[in-house]
Every structure is written in C-alpha cells, then in structure tokens.
Amino acid sequence: METVARLLSEVGDQVVVQAGRQSLIGSIKIAVLPIAKVFTMCFLGFIMASKYVNILPAPGRKLLNGLVFSLLLPCLIFSQLGRSITWEKMLDWWFIPMNVVLATISGSLIGFIVVSIIRPPYPFFKFSIVQIGVGNIGNVPLVLIAALCRDPSNPFGDSEKCSKDGTAYISFGQWVGAIILYTYVFNMLAPPPEGTFDIDNDSLPIKIASKDDGSPEQVPLITQEVTTTDPNDSNKSKIKEFLAFLFNKLKLKQILQPPIVASILAMVLGAIPFLKRLIFTPEAPLFFFTDSCMILGGAMIPCILLALGGNLVEGPGSSKLGFRTTAAIVFARLVLVPPVGIAIVMLADKLGFLPPDDQMFRFVLLLQHSMPTSVLAGAVANLRGCGREGAAVLFWVHIFAVISMAGWIILYLNILF
C-alpha cells in the first residue's frame, strides 16, 4: 500500500509539474506571439522603406500616416466604441480616463527623479521627463489587443468579443490622452528662454507666422469698426474675435483631432438608445455606414505598423541627448514605470473601482502603464523644435519595447489568470 501511495504521489507531482510547464509555455506563447506579429509587420515596413526596395519613401510614409490618423483610426474607434458603449458602461468605465491621468502623473514623477539623477543637457530636462511620463495609449495597445484576440487560444474567450471590448476600452481613454498631449506635453516642451533648442526649418514658419499674422488680422478689424455704423455688426465682430481668441488659447484645434472627434461622436451616439439602434445595431437602417467604418478600420493596424517600421529605417539621427540620457529614458519608461502601474491598478481593484470579473478591463489598464513613449509626443517635440531628439527616443524605445512588452504581458496574464 505504501508503494502504491508513493507511486501515485510521484505521478501526481509529475502531472502538476507538467501542467505548470504547459501553463508557463502557454503564457509565453500568448504574450510573445502578438509582439512577434507586430515586429514582423514593422520589419516588412522597414524593408519596404529601405533604399534597396524604396516602395515606402519618406513622402509616402507621411501620406500613409496622415491617412491612418485622419480616416482609418477614427473609423476603427467609431465602429468599435459606438457598438460597445452604453450610458451604464460609461459610468462603469470611469476609471479608464482616470488611469490615463494617473499614468501620466506617476510616469512624470518617476521621470523627474531619474532626470534629476542623470542630469541631461540643460535644454532637455523637461523633454526627458515628458518622454518618460507619457506613453502610447492608442495605436500600440490597439495593435496588441488585435493580435492577441486573433489567437483562438487567447485567455479572454471569444475572439470577436475580446477585440470589440479591448478596442472600446482603449478608445474610451484616448480623448483624455489627447488633452494631456496638447496641454501638458505642449507646454513642457516649450523652448527655454535662451532659445538653445535646435529649431528646425519646419518650426520656424510657425513663429514667423504668429508675428506676421498679428497686424493683418488687426487691420481689417480696425477698419470694420471705423467704417461700420451698425452697433450689431460691431458686437458680432467682437464676439467672433473673442471666440477666435478662446479657440486659439485653449488650443481646441490641436485637441479636436479626428480620433478624438470620432471618440466623442461614438460615445454620444452610442449612449443614446434611439441613436444606437439607428446606427450601430446590425438591423439598423444606417448600419451600412458603421459597416463601412469597420471595413476601413480593419486596414488601420497593418498600415500604421508598416509606417512605423518604415520610420525606423532612418535610425536615431543626430541627437544631442547622448547615450546616458537616452538609455535612462528607455530604461525608466519600459522598466520603472510599469511596476507603479501594477500597484495603481491593483489598489483600484481592491477599492472596488473596477468592474468585477472583467479581466480585459484590467489588462487594458495595465497596458496603459507599460507602453513605449507616445508617437504623438514625438510629433509635438518636432513642432516645438526638438524633433531630432524625439525621433531618437522613439527609435530606441520601440526597439527595446519588443522585449519589455513581452515580459510585462506574461506577468500581467499570470496576475489576471
């Protein structure tokens, strides 16, 4: 009997060890395969943009980026978020935009500590903080969710529901990210008073235009006020002038980008039952518009990855940051920021802020803390005169993010499942 019991115990231990190995291998497979798909499509874009093939030259990549940003991404957000959102879900999902704000605050604090230690070149102190603190909460998470949900063995269940829910959660936080980007980031990347930023040619016309536009805009207003006798016209001109001032002061043009407009429309139309039944349900008379957006949105992921891979063909460029500062930014963004994000999400879960039994919701929250630096932050850096340094950071952080994101996804899946 003792021999039989010992044999059964050994067999049971072997089964447990084998099951644990299979679970570990399954977690690694689920985490690595999406990254491998992303890397493969980026590599194809890299080849297409290389001088040997040259199908995606710089002007072509610029047009492709514009197409993605202006049409394909808004269509994906509108179709996925509009079909998923309801008024009740908006109340349940309130922590998603809050998590974006907390991620920016915690990342910026970590960035301030790291930058205070490494002491980057003087003009790039705030720049380095922003590159650490602001992650990509849109394009890269959407790609990862799509690649993860495409696998039938994904731990989140049905592939269609997994993709729809994940896209809806990510899209719901993008409007907050855009406000942060064009207010906090825009002001943090302002050139210093000494003007030591290496201002490139693209940003020079902006300053010149702001000086030249002041007098031409004022001259017609003065002549209208002098020649017009109707006080109503004078009041209208003052109202228009005030609205124009408010529009420029709040930077609404920068904030109201196509993806943000699509998110707002999807939330408004999807939260009203009558309009939702009119547009987003399969039997709706206007569902053909939503279906068209779904078809166009399906092209967003391959296009953005081809463009991103093509952008890497130019390399890090002539950056003034230096190896020490660049390495510190990459290490802090990919290694130091995610653990703080885990603590924030776990604390929110303990306090009951998150919907119960929704692992995809928690997974998206964790992803928002572990993404590489925002691509749009690089665009703002280019606008403010430090575009070469922004391009260098984006190059290196996306290269090493392939490794870091796989590791963090494995950890997240083990925590959630």
Protein backbone atom coordinates (compact mmCIF):
# COMPACT_ATOMS: atom_id res chain seq x y z
CA MET A 1 0.00 0.00 0.00
CA GLU A 2 2.81 2.39 0.85
CA THR A 3 4.46 1.62 -2.51
CA VAL A 4 1.21 2.30 -4.36
CA ALA A 5 0.67 5.53 -2.46
CA ARG A 6 4.24 6.65 -3.22
CA LEU A 7 3.79 5.87 -6.93
CA LEU A 8 0.52 7.79 -7.04
CA SER A 9 2.15 10.73 -5.27
CA GLU A 10 5.05 10.77 -7.78
CA VAL A 11 2.64 10.59 -10.72
CA GLY A 12 0.60 13.43 -9.25
CA ASP A 13 3.72 15.57 -8.78
CA GLN A 14 4.76 14.90 -12.38
CA VAL A 15 1.29 15.88 -13.61
CA VAL A 16 1.41 19.11 -11.60
CA VAL A 17 4.89 19.96 -12.90
CA GLN A 18 3.87 19.15 -16.48
CA ALA A 19 0.71 21.25 -16.15
CA GLY A 20 2.74 24.11 -14.72
CA ARG A 21 5.17 23.89 -17.61
CA GLN A 22 2.31 23.86 -20.10
CA SER A 23 0.75 26.86 -18.35
CA LEU A 24 4.06 28.74 -18.47
CA ILE A 25 4.62 27.84 -22.12
CA GLY A 26 1.05 28.86 -22.93
CA SER A 27 1.53 32.22 -21.19
CA ILE A 28 4.79 32.83 -23.05
CA LYS A 29 3.13 31.88 -26.35
CA ILE A 30 0.15 34.18 -25.76
CA ALA A 31 2.43 37.05 -24.76
CA VAL A 32 5.15 36.65 -27.38
CA LEU A 33 3.03 35.90 -30.47
CA PRO A 34 1.35 39.36 -30.60
CA ILE A 35 4.75 41.01 -30.22
CA ALA A 36 6.15 38.74 -32.94
CA LYS A 37 3.30 39.73 -35.28
CA VAL A 38 3.89 43.40 -34.56
CA PHE A 39 7.63 43.01 -35.12
CA THR A 40 7.06 41.09 -38.38
CA MET A 41 4.81 43.79 -39.86
CA CYS A 42 7.19 46.54 -38.72
CA PHE A 43 10.09 44.65 -40.28
CA LEU A 44 8.20 44.41 -43.58
CA GLY A 45 7.66 48.18 -43.43
CA PHE A 46 11.37 48.60 -42.71
CA ILE A 47 12.21 46.57 -45.82
CA MET A 48 9.70 48.46 -47.97
CA ALA A 49 11.28 51.77 -46.88
CA SER A 50 14.89 50.66 -47.32
CA LYS A 51 16.95 52.05 -50.17
CA TYR A 52 17.01 48.62 -51.82
CA VAL A 53 13.21 48.46 -52.25
CA ASN A 54 12.13 52.09 -51.69
CA ILE A 55 8.37 51.49 -52.03
CA LEU A 56 7.69 53.48 -48.85
CA PRO A 57 9.88 56.60 -49.11
CA ALA A 58 9.53 59.42 -46.59
CA PRO A 59 6.77 61.29 -48.52
CA GLY A 60 4.81 58.05 -48.90
CA ARG A 61 5.10 57.27 -45.19
CA LYS A 62 3.94 60.79 -44.38
CA LEU A 63 0.85 60.31 -46.57
CA LEU A 64 0.22 56.88 -45.04
CA ASN A 65 0.46 58.31 -41.52
CA GLY A 66 -1.97 61.05 -42.50
CA LEU A 67 -4.41 58.51 -43.94
CA VAL A 68 -4.26 56.41 -40.77
CA PHE A 69 -4.66 59.38 -38.44
CA SER A 70 -7.38 61.18 -40.41
CA LEU A 71 -9.50 58.27 -41.66
CA LEU A 72 -8.63 54.70 -40.68
CA LEU A 73 -8.12 55.18 -36.93
CA PRO A 74 -11.27 57.34 -36.49
CA CYS A 75 -13.29 54.72 -38.40
CA LEU A 76 -11.99 51.93 -36.14
CA ILE A 77 -12.73 53.93 -32.98
CA PHE A 78 -16.19 54.98 -34.15
CA SER A 79 -17.31 51.49 -35.15
CA GLN A 80 -15.89 49.60 -32.17
CA LEU A 81 -16.59 52.11 -29.39
CA GLY A 82 -20.05 53.03 -30.70
CA ARG A 83 -21.20 49.41 -30.77
CA SER A 84 -19.89 48.70 -27.26
CA ILE A 85 -20.69 51.87 -25.33
CA THR A 86 -23.82 52.49 -23.28
CA TRP A 87 -24.63 55.06 -20.64
CA GLU A 88 -24.26 52.42 -17.93
CA LYS A 89 -20.88 51.34 -19.30
CA MET A 90 -19.67 54.93 -19.36
CA LEU A 91 -20.37 55.09 -15.64
CA ASP A 92 -18.65 51.73 -15.10
CA TRP A 93 -15.62 52.71 -17.19
CA TRP A 94 -14.87 55.98 -15.40
CA PHE A 95 -11.53 54.66 -14.14
CA ILE A 96 -10.09 54.30 -17.67
CA PRO A 97 -9.58 58.08 -18.24
CA MET A 98 -8.58 58.41 -14.58
CA ASN A 99 -5.95 55.72 -15.13
CA VAL A 100 -4.55 57.68 -18.08
CA VAL A 101 -4.17 60.74 -15.84
CA LEU A 102 -2.60 58.69 -13.03
CA ALA A 103 -0.23 57.04 -15.51
CA THR A 104 0.94 60.44 -16.72
CA ILE A 105 1.38 61.78 -13.18
CA SER A 106 3.25 58.72 -11.88
CA GLY A 107 5.37 58.46 -15.03
CA SER A 108 6.28 62.14 -14.84
CA LEU A 109 7.26 61.81 -11.17
CA ILE A 110 9.49 58.85 -12.00
CA GLY A 111 10.86 60.84 -14.90
CA PHE A 112 11.64 63.80 -12.64
CA ILE A 113 13.55 61.55 -10.22
CA VAL A 114 15.51 59.82 -12.98
CA VAL A 115 16.28 63.05 -14.82
CA SER A 116 17.42 64.69 -11.58
CA ILE A 117 19.92 61.87 -11.14
CA ILE A 118 21.29 61.61 -14.68
CA ARG A 119 21.24 65.40 -15.35
CA PRO A 120 20.68 65.55 -19.12
CA PRO A 121 21.87 68.50 -21.23
CA TYR A 122 20.22 71.71 -19.98
CA PRO A 123 17.60 72.24 -22.70
CA PHE A 124 16.30 68.68 -22.42
CA PHE A 125 15.40 68.43 -18.73
CA LYS A 126 11.63 68.78 -19.24
CA PHE A 127 11.88 66.96 -22.55
CA SER A 128 13.29 63.88 -20.79
CA ILE A 129 10.54 63.97 -18.16
CA VAL A 130 7.86 64.01 -20.88
CA GLN A 131 9.46 61.14 -22.81
CA ILE A 132 9.36 59.01 -19.65
CA GLY A 133 5.96 60.12 -18.39
CA VAL A 134 3.76 59.97 -21.50
CA GLY A 135 3.14 56.55 -23.04
CA ASN A 136 1.34 55.37 -26.14
CA ILE A 137 -2.25 54.66 -25.06
CA GLY A 138 -3.70 54.36 -28.57
CA ASN A 139 -2.01 52.80 -31.58
CA VAL A 140 0.28 50.23 -29.96
CA PRO A 141 -2.32 48.87 -27.45
CA LEU A 142 -4.87 48.58 -30.28
CA VAL A 143 -2.38 46.55 -32.31
CA LEU A 144 -1.53 44.30 -29.36
CA ILE A 145 -5.17 43.67 -28.49
CA ALA A 146 -5.99 42.85 -32.12
CA ALA A 147 -3.06 40.44 -32.41
CA LEU A 148 -3.83 38.83 -29.04
CA CYS A 149 -7.55 38.38 -29.67
CA ARG A 150 -6.94 36.91 -33.13
CA ASP A 151 -5.42 33.83 -31.48
CA PRO A 152 -8.24 31.31 -30.72
CA SER A 153 -6.41 30.16 -27.57
CA ASN A 154 -6.37 33.64 -26.01
CA PRO A 155 -7.40 33.63 -22.32
CA PHE A 156 -10.12 36.26 -22.79
CA GLY A 157 -12.55 33.96 -24.62
CA ASP A 158 -14.39 34.69 -27.85
CA SER A 159 -12.12 36.47 -30.35
CA GLU A 160 -14.77 38.89 -31.61
CA LYS A 161 -15.90 39.93 -28.12
CA CYS A 162 -12.27 40.16 -26.98
CA SER A 163 -11.37 42.50 -29.85
CA LYS A 164 -14.52 44.63 -29.54
CA ASP A 165 -14.22 45.10 -25.77
CA GLY A 166 -10.48 45.76 -25.87
CA THR A 167 -10.81 48.34 -28.65
CA ALA A 168 -13.69 50.04 -26.83
CA TYR A 169 -11.73 50.30 -23.57
CA ILE A 170 -8.66 51.73 -25.31
CA SER A 171 -10.70 54.19 -27.37
CA PHE A 172 -12.55 55.41 -24.28
CA GLY A 173 -9.29 56.72 -22.81
CA GLN A 174 -7.91 58.42 -25.92
CA TRP A 175 -9.75 61.70 -25.51
CA VAL A 176 -8.06 62.27 -22.16
CA GLY A 177 -4.71 61.36 -23.69
CA ALA A 178 -5.18 63.95 -26.41
CA ILE A 179 -5.98 66.69 -23.87
CA ILE A 180 -2.85 65.77 -21.88
CA LEU A 181 -0.77 65.72 -25.04
CA TYR A 182 -1.77 69.15 -26.33
CA THR A 183 -1.78 70.90 -22.95
CA TYR A 184 0.75 69.35 -20.55
CA VAL A 185 3.18 67.98 -23.15
CA PHE A 186 2.89 71.04 -25.40
CA ASN A 187 3.80 73.38 -22.54
CA MET A 188 6.53 71.13 -21.11
CA LEU A 189 8.30 71.04 -24.48
CA ALA A 190 8.38 74.82 -24.88
CA PRO A 191 11.84 76.10 -25.86
CA PRO A 192 13.81 77.67 -22.99
CA PRO A 193 14.16 81.47 -22.74
CA GLU A 194 17.73 81.26 -24.02
CA GLY A 195 16.45 79.64 -27.22
CA THR A 196 19.03 76.84 -27.11
CA PHE A 197 16.76 74.29 -28.82
CA ASP A 198 17.97 73.43 -32.30
CA ILE A 199 14.96 74.91 -34.13
CA ASP A 200 14.46 73.10 -37.42
CA ASN A 201 13.05 74.61 -40.58
CA ASP A 202 9.59 73.12 -40.03
CA SER A 203 9.05 75.06 -36.80
CA LEU A 204 10.45 78.38 -37.99
CA PRO A 205 7.44 79.38 -40.11
CA ILE A 206 5.18 78.90 -37.09
CA LYS A 207 6.94 81.64 -35.15
CA ILE A 208 7.19 83.89 -38.18
CA ALA A 209 3.52 83.39 -38.99
CA SER A 210 2.49 84.28 -35.44
CA LYS A 211 4.32 87.59 -35.69
CA ASP A 212 3.19 88.45 -39.17
CA ASP A 213 -0.40 87.42 -38.63
CA GLY A 214 -0.89 89.86 -35.76
CA SER A 215 -1.02 93.06 -37.78
CA PRO A 216 -3.01 91.80 -40.81
CA GLU A 217 -5.66 90.32 -38.51
CA GLN A 218 -5.96 93.60 -36.59
CA VAL A 219 -6.06 95.96 -39.57
CA PRO A 220 -9.36 94.67 -41.08
CA LEU A 221 -10.95 94.64 -37.63
CA ILE A 222 -9.99 98.27 -37.05
CA THR A 223 -11.26 99.36 -40.46
CA GLN A 224 -14.53 97.49 -39.93
CA GLU A 225 -15.04 99.13 -36.57
CA VAL A 226 -14.40 102.60 -38.05
CA THR A 227 -16.47 102.27 -41.21
CA THR A 228 -19.41 100.30 -39.78
CA THR A 229 -22.20 102.32 -38.26
CA ASP A 230 -24.38 99.40 -37.13
CA PRO A 231 -23.58 98.56 -33.48
CA ASN A 232 -24.85 94.99 -34.00
CA ASP A 233 -22.09 94.36 -36.54
CA SER A 234 -19.55 95.72 -34.08
CA ASN A 235 -20.85 93.39 -31.37
CA LYS A 236 -20.74 90.44 -33.76
CA SER A 237 -17.15 91.21 -34.68
CA LYS A 238 -16.21 91.40 -31.01
CA ILE A 239 -17.91 88.08 -30.34
CA LYS A 240 -16.10 86.48 -33.27
CA GLU A 241 -12.82 87.95 -32.08
CA PHE A 242 -13.41 86.63 -28.57
CA LEU A 243 -14.33 83.16 -29.85
CA ALA A 244 -11.25 83.09 -32.06
CA PHE A 245 -9.10 84.11 -29.11
CA LEU A 246 -10.70 81.43 -26.92
CA PHE A 247 -10.29 78.83 -29.67
CA ASN A 248 -6.57 79.60 -30.01
CA LYS A 249 -5.97 80.00 -26.28
CA LEU A 250 -7.45 76.60 -25.41
CA LYS A 251 -5.72 75.02 -28.43
CA LEU A 252 -9.00 73.39 -29.43
CA LYS A 253 -7.73 72.86 -32.95
CA GLN A 254 -4.94 70.65 -31.60
CA ILE A 255 -7.22 68.87 -29.14
CA LEU A 256 -10.10 68.18 -31.54
CA GLN A 257 -8.16 65.78 -33.74
CA PRO A 258 -10.05 63.20 -35.88
CA PRO A 259 -9.62 60.28 -33.41
CA ILE A 260 -10.92 62.44 -30.57
CA VAL A 261 -13.89 63.63 -32.61
CA ALA A 262 -14.64 60.01 -33.50
CA SER A 263 -14.47 59.01 -29.82
CA ILE A 264 -16.84 61.82 -28.79
CA LEU A 265 -19.32 61.01 -31.56
CA ALA A 266 -19.22 57.30 -30.72
CA MET A 267 -19.85 58.00 -27.02
CA VAL A 268 -22.72 60.42 -27.70
CA LEU A 269 -24.44 58.30 -30.36
CA GLY A 270 -23.80 55.01 -28.58
CA ALA A 271 -25.05 56.23 -25.20
CA ILE A 272 -28.46 57.28 -26.58
CA PRO A 273 -30.54 54.10 -27.16
CA PHE A 274 -32.56 55.52 -30.07
CA LEU A 275 -29.47 56.65 -31.99
CA LYS A 276 -27.65 53.42 -31.17
CA ARG A 277 -30.50 51.38 -32.68
CA LEU A 278 -30.46 53.71 -35.67
CA ILE A 279 -26.74 53.42 -36.45
CA PHE A 280 -24.86 50.66 -34.63
CA THR A 281 -27.09 47.58 -34.46
CA PRO A 282 -26.94 45.11 -37.40
CA GLU A 283 -30.63 45.68 -38.21
CA ALA A 284 -30.29 49.49 -38.12
CA PRO A 285 -31.20 51.41 -41.29
CA LEU A 286 -27.87 53.30 -41.10
CA PHE A 287 -25.73 50.29 -40.20
CA PHE A 288 -24.19 50.39 -43.68
CA PHE A 289 -22.22 53.44 -42.50
CA THR A 290 -20.96 51.61 -39.42
CA ASP A 291 -20.11 48.56 -41.54
CA SER A 292 -18.14 50.76 -43.94
CA CYS A 293 -16.22 52.19 -40.98
CA MET A 294 -15.49 48.66 -39.77
CA ILE A 295 -14.04 47.73 -43.17
CA LEU A 296 -11.86 50.84 -43.27
CA GLY A 297 -10.85 50.42 -39.63
CA GLY A 298 -9.57 46.93 -40.37
CA ALA A 299 -6.82 48.47 -42.51
CA MET A 300 -5.56 50.70 -39.70
CA ILE A 301 -3.32 48.18 -37.94
CA PRO A 302 -1.26 46.96 -40.93
CA CYS A 303 -0.91 50.50 -42.28
CA ILE A 304 0.30 52.02 -39.00
CA LEU A 305 2.78 49.19 -38.46
CA LEU A 306 4.17 49.46 -41.98
CA ALA A 307 4.60 53.21 -41.48
CA LEU A 308 6.20 52.74 -38.05
CA GLY A 309 8.64 50.18 -39.41
CA GLY A 310 9.45 52.47 -42.31
CA ASN A 311 10.18 55.36 -39.96
CA LEU A 312 12.82 53.26 -38.19
CA VAL A 313 14.86 52.97 -41.40
CA GLU A 314 16.33 56.43 -40.84
CA GLY A 315 17.82 55.41 -37.49
CA PRO A 316 18.18 57.58 -34.37
CA GLY A 317 19.56 60.57 -36.26
CA SER A 318 21.86 63.23 -34.85
CA SER A 319 20.55 63.52 -31.31
CA LYS A 320 22.11 65.82 -28.71
CA LEU A 321 20.83 63.77 -25.78
CA GLY A 322 23.81 61.45 -25.56
CA PHE A 323 23.93 57.75 -24.70
CA ARG A 324 23.48 58.22 -20.94
CA THR A 325 20.27 60.25 -21.21
CA THR A 326 18.77 58.14 -23.99
CA ALA A 327 19.46 54.89 -22.12
CA ALA A 328 17.97 56.33 -18.92
CA ILE A 329 14.78 57.40 -20.74
CA VAL A 330 14.35 53.96 -22.34
CA PHE A 331 15.06 52.13 -19.06
CA ALA A 332 12.75 54.32 -16.98
CA ARG A 333 9.87 54.19 -19.49
CA LEU A 334 9.99 50.42 -20.08
CA VAL A 335 11.20 49.08 -16.72
CA LEU A 336 10.49 51.55 -13.89
CA VAL A 337 7.06 52.88 -14.88
CA PRO A 338 5.11 49.57 -15.26
CA PRO A 339 5.54 48.35 -11.62
CA VAL A 340 3.96 51.58 -10.38
CA GLY A 341 1.11 50.97 -12.83
CA ILE A 342 0.59 47.49 -11.41
CA ALA A 343 0.33 48.97 -7.93
CA ILE A 344 -2.20 51.59 -9.11
CA VAL A 345 -4.43 49.05 -10.86
CA MET A 346 -4.26 46.52 -8.01
CA LEU A 347 -5.13 49.22 -5.47
CA ALA A 348 -8.07 50.38 -7.60
CA ASP A 349 -9.26 46.77 -7.80
CA LYS A 350 -9.03 46.36 -4.03
CA LEU A 351 -11.02 49.56 -3.52
CA GLY A 352 -13.77 48.33 -5.85
CA PHE A 353 -13.24 50.92 -8.58
CA LEU A 354 -13.11 48.34 -11.38
CA PRO A 355 -15.95 46.29 -12.90
CA PRO A 356 -15.97 42.83 -11.30
CA ASP A 357 -14.84 39.77 -13.31
CA ASP A 358 -13.71 41.81 -16.33
CA GLN A 359 -10.13 40.72 -16.96
CA MET A 360 -9.87 42.55 -20.29
CA PHE A 361 -10.67 45.82 -18.47
CA ARG A 362 -7.79 45.22 -16.05
CA PHE A 363 -5.48 44.09 -18.85
CA VAL A 364 -6.04 47.34 -20.77
CA LEU A 365 -5.40 49.39 -17.62
CA LEU A 366 -2.11 47.57 -17.11
CA LEU A 367 -1.13 48.02 -20.76
CA GLN A 368 -1.58 51.79 -20.43
CA HIS A 369 1.35 51.84 -17.98
CA SER A 370 3.74 49.62 -19.96
CA MET A 371 3.65 51.08 -23.47
CA PRO A 372 6.60 52.86 -25.13
CA THR A 373 6.72 56.63 -25.46
CA SER A 374 3.81 58.19 -27.33
CA VAL A 375 4.40 58.69 -31.06
CA LEU A 376 2.31 61.87 -30.92
CA ALA A 377 4.64 63.20 -28.20
CA GLY A 378 7.38 62.94 -30.83
CA ALA A 379 5.21 64.95 -33.22
CA VAL A 380 4.75 67.67 -30.57
CA ALA A 381 8.51 67.61 -29.94
CA ASN A 382 9.07 68.22 -33.64
CA LEU A 383 6.64 71.13 -33.51
CA ARG A 384 8.44 72.69 -30.55
CA GLY A 385 11.91 72.43 -32.08
CA CYS A 386 13.41 69.23 -30.65
CA GLY A 387 12.22 66.81 -33.30
CA ARG A 388 15.55 65.05 -33.81
CA GLU A 389 15.83 64.18 -30.14
CA GLY A 390 12.21 63.00 -30.12
CA ALA A 391 12.85 60.77 -33.14
CA ALA A 392 15.94 59.27 -31.45
CA VAL A 393 13.98 58.41 -28.30
CA LEU A 394 11.12 56.88 -30.32
CA PHE A 395 13.59 54.79 -32.32
CA TRP A 396 15.34 53.22 -29.33
CA VAL A 397 12.29 52.88 -27.08
CA HIS A 398 10.34 50.98 -29.76
CA ILE A 399 13.30 48.70 -30.44
CA PHE A 400 13.60 47.65 -26.78
CA ALA A 401 9.82 47.67 -26.22
CA VAL A 402 9.58 44.46 -28.26
CA ILE A 403 11.38 42.68 -25.40
CA SER A 404 9.90 44.56 -22.46
CA MET A 405 6.27 44.33 -23.59
CA ALA A 406 6.53 40.56 -23.99
CA GLY A 407 7.82 40.24 -20.43
CA TRP A 408 5.18 42.53 -18.93
CA ILE A 409 2.36 40.80 -20.83
CA ILE A 410 3.49 37.42 -19.42
CA LEU A 411 3.40 38.90 -15.92
CA TYR A 412 0.00 40.53 -16.46
CA LEU A 413 -1.55 37.28 -17.71
CA ASN A 414 -0.17 35.39 -14.70
CA ILE A 415 -1.62 38.05 -12.37
CA LEU A 416 -5.05 38.06 -14.05
CA PHE A 417 -5.38 34.33 -14.68
